[in-house]
Amino acid sequence: MTPEDATILLIEEEPTLLEITAFRLELLGYHLVKRETADEAAQWLKEQLPNLIAVGHVAEMESIEFLNHLSNDPRTSEIPIIYLSSGTDLEEVQRAYNAGADEFLVTPFDPLVLEKKVDGLLTAASNSD
């Protein structure tokens, strides 16, 4: 799957991190849908499905809870998820993976690491179709 063929849903309430992450992904050629809240993302997901979901900090619920929601919903459970977090402790990483994250990326992140993780998830997803 080429970047031009992929849609990424990016959910992040912190405006600077949202814009930096969006800029990097758009620079790589991905079509990006940006949402600041879990509610906005859930509304969008009722109508459309992305090829990948990137979840950062969401305000109205714990981000891990939102990951659980995505992985338990039959419509979104097969979509790869990358979790963006400033937390680095092993417990948070494990909670994210247990809740359905396929990758974990500590913010602030190296743009090349973001690119590799996103490319890897999209390649794996397209090979499993």
C-alpha atoms as a PDB file:
ATOM      1  CA  MET A   1       0.000   0.000   0.000  1.00  0.00           C
ATOM      2  CA  THR A   2       1.441   3.347  -0.993  1.00  0.00           C
ATOM      3  CA  PRO A   3       1.042   6.386   1.248  1.00  0.00           C
ATOM      4  CA  GLU A   4      -1.286   7.974  -1.300  1.00  0.00           C
ATOM      5  CA  ASP A   5      -3.652   5.014  -0.902  1.00  0.00           C
ATOM      6  CA  ALA A   6      -3.687   5.094   2.901  1.00  0.00           C
ATOM      7  CA  THR A   7      -5.895   7.108   5.225  1.00  0.00           C
ATOM      8  CA  ILE A   8      -4.716   7.657   8.782  1.00  0.00           C
ATOM      9  CA  LEU A   9      -6.992   8.826  11.567  1.00  0.00           C
ATOM     10  CA  LEU A  10      -4.940  10.875  14.048  1.00  0.00           C
ATOM     11  CA  ILE A  11      -6.529  11.582  17.434  1.00  0.00           C
ATOM     12  CA  GLU A  12      -4.685  13.989  19.718  1.00  0.00           C
ATOM     13  CA  GLU A  13      -6.010  16.760  21.943  1.00  0.00           C
ATOM     14  CA  GLU A  14      -2.686  18.602  22.335  1.00  0.00           C
ATOM     15  CA  PRO A  15      -2.624  21.032  19.356  1.00  0.00           C
ATOM     16  CA  THR A  16       1.155  21.189  18.928  1.00  0.00           C
ATOM     17  CA  LEU A  17       1.589  17.418  18.931  1.00  0.00           C
ATOM     18  CA  LEU A  18      -1.416  17.045  16.618  1.00  0.00           C
ATOM     19  CA  GLU A  19       0.056  19.477  14.084  1.00  0.00           C
ATOM     20  CA  ILE A  20       3.622  18.130  14.259  1.00  0.00           C
ATOM     21  CA  THR A  21       2.472  14.532  13.815  1.00  0.00           C
ATOM     22  CA  ALA A  22       0.017  15.494  11.066  1.00  0.00           C
ATOM     23  CA  PHE A  23       2.676  17.503   9.235  1.00  0.00           C
ATOM     24  CA  ARG A  24       5.096  14.582   9.250  1.00  0.00           C
ATOM     25  CA  LEU A  25       2.525  12.073   8.017  1.00  0.00           C
ATOM     26  CA  GLU A  26       1.237  14.425   5.319  1.00  0.00           C
ATOM     27  CA  LEU A  27       4.833  15.071   4.234  1.00  0.00           C
ATOM     28  CA  LEU A  28       5.140  11.326   3.653  1.00  0.00           C
ATOM     29  CA  GLY A  29       2.063  11.449   1.409  1.00  0.00           C
ATOM     30  CA  TYR A  30      -0.596   9.966   3.674  1.00  0.00           C
ATOM     31  CA  HIS A  31      -4.168  11.245   3.612  1.00  0.00           C
ATOM     32  CA  LEU A  32      -4.795  12.416   7.155  1.00  0.00           C
ATOM     33  CA  VAL A  33      -7.972  12.894   9.145  1.00  0.00           C
ATOM     34  CA  LYS A  34      -7.349  14.848  12.359  1.00  0.00           C
ATOM     35  CA  ARG A  35      -9.623  14.713  15.376  1.00  0.00           C
ATOM     36  CA  GLU A  36      -8.999  16.284  18.769  1.00  0.00           C
ATOM     37  CA  THR A  37     -11.350  14.146  20.857  1.00  0.00           C
ATOM     38  CA  ALA A  38     -12.438  10.536  21.122  1.00  0.00           C
ATOM     39  CA  ASP A  39     -16.041  11.628  20.531  1.00  0.00           C
ATOM     40  CA  GLU A  40     -15.121  13.353  17.263  1.00  0.00           C
ATOM     41  CA  ALA A  41     -13.134  10.300  16.187  1.00  0.00           C
ATOM     42  CA  ALA A  42     -15.985   7.927  17.094  1.00  0.00           C
ATOM     43  CA  GLN A  43     -18.426  10.012  15.043  1.00  0.00           C
ATOM     44  CA  TRP A  44     -16.107   9.960  12.034  1.00  0.00           C
ATOM     45  CA  LEU A  45     -15.582   6.201  12.410  1.00  0.00           C
ATOM     46  CA  LYS A  46     -19.331   5.613  12.141  1.00  0.00           C
ATOM     47  CA  GLU A  47     -19.188   6.816   8.527  1.00  0.00           C
ATOM     48  CA  GLN A  48     -15.688   5.848   7.359  1.00  0.00           C
ATOM     49  CA  LEU A  49     -12.801   3.571   8.200  1.00  0.00           C
ATOM     50  CA  PRO A  50      -9.112   4.467   7.959  1.00  0.00           C
ATOM     51  CA  ASN A  51      -6.226   2.162   7.141  1.00  0.00           C
ATOM     52  CA  LEU A  52      -4.497   3.057  10.420  1.00  0.00           C
ATOM     53  CA  ILE A  53      -5.408   4.844  13.656  1.00  0.00           C
ATOM     54  CA  ALA A  54      -2.899   6.887  15.671  1.00  0.00           C
ATOM     55  CA  VAL A  55      -4.116   7.585  19.207  1.00  0.00           C
ATOM     56  CA  GLY A  56      -2.461  10.150  21.432  1.00  0.00           C
ATOM     57  CA  HIS A  57      -3.912  11.829  24.484  1.00  0.00           C
ATOM     58  CA  VAL A  58      -7.706  12.170  24.417  1.00  0.00           C
ATOM     59  CA  ALA A  59      -9.528  14.366  26.907  1.00  0.00           C
ATOM     60  CA  GLU A  60     -12.904  12.891  27.700  1.00  0.00           C
ATOM     61  CA  MET A  61     -11.687   9.390  28.500  1.00  0.00           C
ATOM     62  CA  GLU A  62      -8.415   7.715  29.263  1.00  0.00           C
ATOM     63  CA  SER A  63      -6.532   6.947  26.049  1.00  0.00           C
ATOM     64  CA  ILE A  64      -6.181   3.294  27.069  1.00  0.00           C
ATOM     65  CA  GLU A  65      -9.958   3.096  27.483  1.00  0.00           C
ATOM     66  CA  PHE A  66     -10.343   4.449  23.948  1.00  0.00           C
ATOM     67  CA  LEU A  67      -7.918   1.787  22.661  1.00  0.00           C
ATOM     68  CA  ASN A  68     -10.109  -0.848  24.327  1.00  0.00           C
ATOM     69  CA  HIS A  69     -13.166   0.620  22.621  1.00  0.00           C
ATOM     70  CA  LEU A  70     -11.467   0.468  19.212  1.00  0.00           C
ATOM     71  CA  SER A  71     -10.220  -3.092  19.652  1.00  0.00           C
ATOM     72  CA  ASN A  72     -13.587  -4.341  20.923  1.00  0.00           C
ATOM     73  CA  ASP A  73     -15.616  -2.764  18.108  1.00  0.00           C
ATOM     74  CA  PRO A  74     -15.993  -5.256  15.227  1.00  0.00           C
ATOM     75  CA  ARG A  75     -15.770  -2.406  12.689  1.00  0.00           C
ATOM     76  CA  THR A  76     -12.391  -1.166  13.944  1.00  0.00           C
ATOM     77  CA  SER A  77     -10.832  -4.204  15.601  1.00  0.00           C
ATOM     78  CA  GLU A  78      -8.767  -5.163  12.544  1.00  0.00           C
ATOM     79  CA  ILE A  79      -7.402  -1.648  11.902  1.00  0.00           C
ATOM     80  CA  PRO A  80      -3.769  -1.259  13.040  1.00  0.00           C
ATOM     81  CA  ILE A  81      -3.323   1.178  15.928  1.00  0.00           C
ATOM     82  CA  ILE A  82      -0.238   3.120  16.943  1.00  0.00           C
ATOM     83  CA  TYR A  83      -0.337   4.613  20.416  1.00  0.00           C
ATOM     84  CA  LEU A  84       1.475   7.910  21.004  1.00  0.00           C
ATOM     85  CA  SER A  85       2.389   8.664  24.612  1.00  0.00           C
ATOM     86  CA  SER A  86       4.777  10.747  26.656  1.00  0.00           C
ATOM     87  CA  GLY A  87       4.790   7.975  29.256  1.00  0.00           C
ATOM     88  CA  THR A  88       7.713   5.607  29.145  1.00  0.00           C
ATOM     89  CA  ASP A  89       7.121   3.273  32.043  1.00  0.00           C
ATOM     90  CA  LEU A  90       6.780  -0.391  31.211  1.00  0.00           C
ATOM     91  CA  GLU A  91       3.339  -0.633  32.834  1.00  0.00           C
ATOM     92  CA  GLU A  92       1.849   1.950  30.460  1.00  0.00           C
ATOM     93  CA  VAL A  93       3.434   0.277  27.454  1.00  0.00           C
ATOM     94  CA  GLN A  94       1.990  -3.086  28.529  1.00  0.00           C
ATOM     95  CA  ARG A  95      -1.450  -1.559  29.158  1.00  0.00           C
ATOM     96  CA  ALA A  96      -1.445  -0.038  25.667  1.00  0.00           C
ATOM     97  CA  TYR A  97      -0.561  -3.344  24.013  1.00  0.00           C
ATOM     98  CA  ASN A  98      -3.116  -5.207  26.131  1.00  0.00           C
ATOM     99  CA  ALA A  99      -5.778  -2.675  25.113  1.00  0.00           C
ATOM    100  CA  GLY A 100      -5.152  -3.262  21.409  1.00  0.00           C
ATOM    101  CA  ALA A 101      -2.234  -1.088  20.314  1.00  0.00           C
ATOM    102  CA  ASP A 102      -0.087  -2.667  17.626  1.00  0.00           C
ATOM    103  CA  GLU A 103       2.770  -0.202  18.127  1.00  0.00           C
ATOM    104  CA  PHE A 104       3.840   2.233  20.843  1.00  0.00           C
ATOM    105  CA  LEU A 105       5.719   5.469  20.187  1.00  0.00           C
ATOM    106  CA  VAL A 106       7.059   7.783  22.873  1.00  0.00           C
ATOM    107  CA  THR A 107       6.556  11.492  22.249  1.00  0.00           C
ATOM    108  CA  PRO A 108       8.421  13.542  21.294  1.00  0.00           C
ATOM    109  CA  PHE A 109       9.424  11.046  18.647  1.00  0.00           C
ATOM    110  CA  ASP A 110      12.016  10.759  15.927  1.00  0.00           C
ATOM    111  CA  PRO A 111      10.166  11.318  12.616  1.00  0.00           C
ATOM    112  CA  LEU A 112      12.024   8.398  11.031  1.00  0.00           C
ATOM    113  CA  VAL A 113      10.808   6.051  13.778  1.00  0.00           C
ATOM    114  CA  LEU A 114       7.223   7.239  13.192  1.00  0.00           C
ATOM    115  CA  GLU A 115       7.637   6.616   9.464  1.00  0.00           C
ATOM    116  CA  LYS A 116       9.031   3.090   9.993  1.00  0.00           C
ATOM    117  CA  LYS A 117       6.299   2.101  12.453  1.00  0.00           C
ATOM    118  CA  VAL A 118       3.478   3.429  10.251  1.00  0.00           C
ATOM    119  CA  ASP A 119       4.933   1.841   7.108  1.00  0.00           C
ATOM    120  CA  GLY A 120       5.392  -1.469   8.935  1.00  0.00           C
ATOM    121  CA  LEU A 121       1.823  -1.524  10.241  1.00  0.00           C
ATOM    122  CA  LEU A 122       0.321  -0.635   6.860  1.00  0.00           C
ATOM    123  CA  THR A 123       2.477  -3.184   5.034  1.00  0.00           C
ATOM    124  CA  ALA A 124       1.522  -5.930   7.480  1.00  0.00           C
ATOM    125  CA  ALA A 125      -2.172  -5.010   7.224  1.00  0.00           C
ATOM    126  CA  SER A 126      -2.143  -5.030   3.413  1.00  0.00           C
ATOM    127  CA  ASN A 127      -0.313  -8.383   3.348  1.00  0.00           C
ATOM    128  CA  SER A 128      -2.944  -9.965   5.597  1.00  0.00           C
ATOM    129  CA  ASP A 129      -5.847  -8.984   3.300  1.00  0.00           C
END
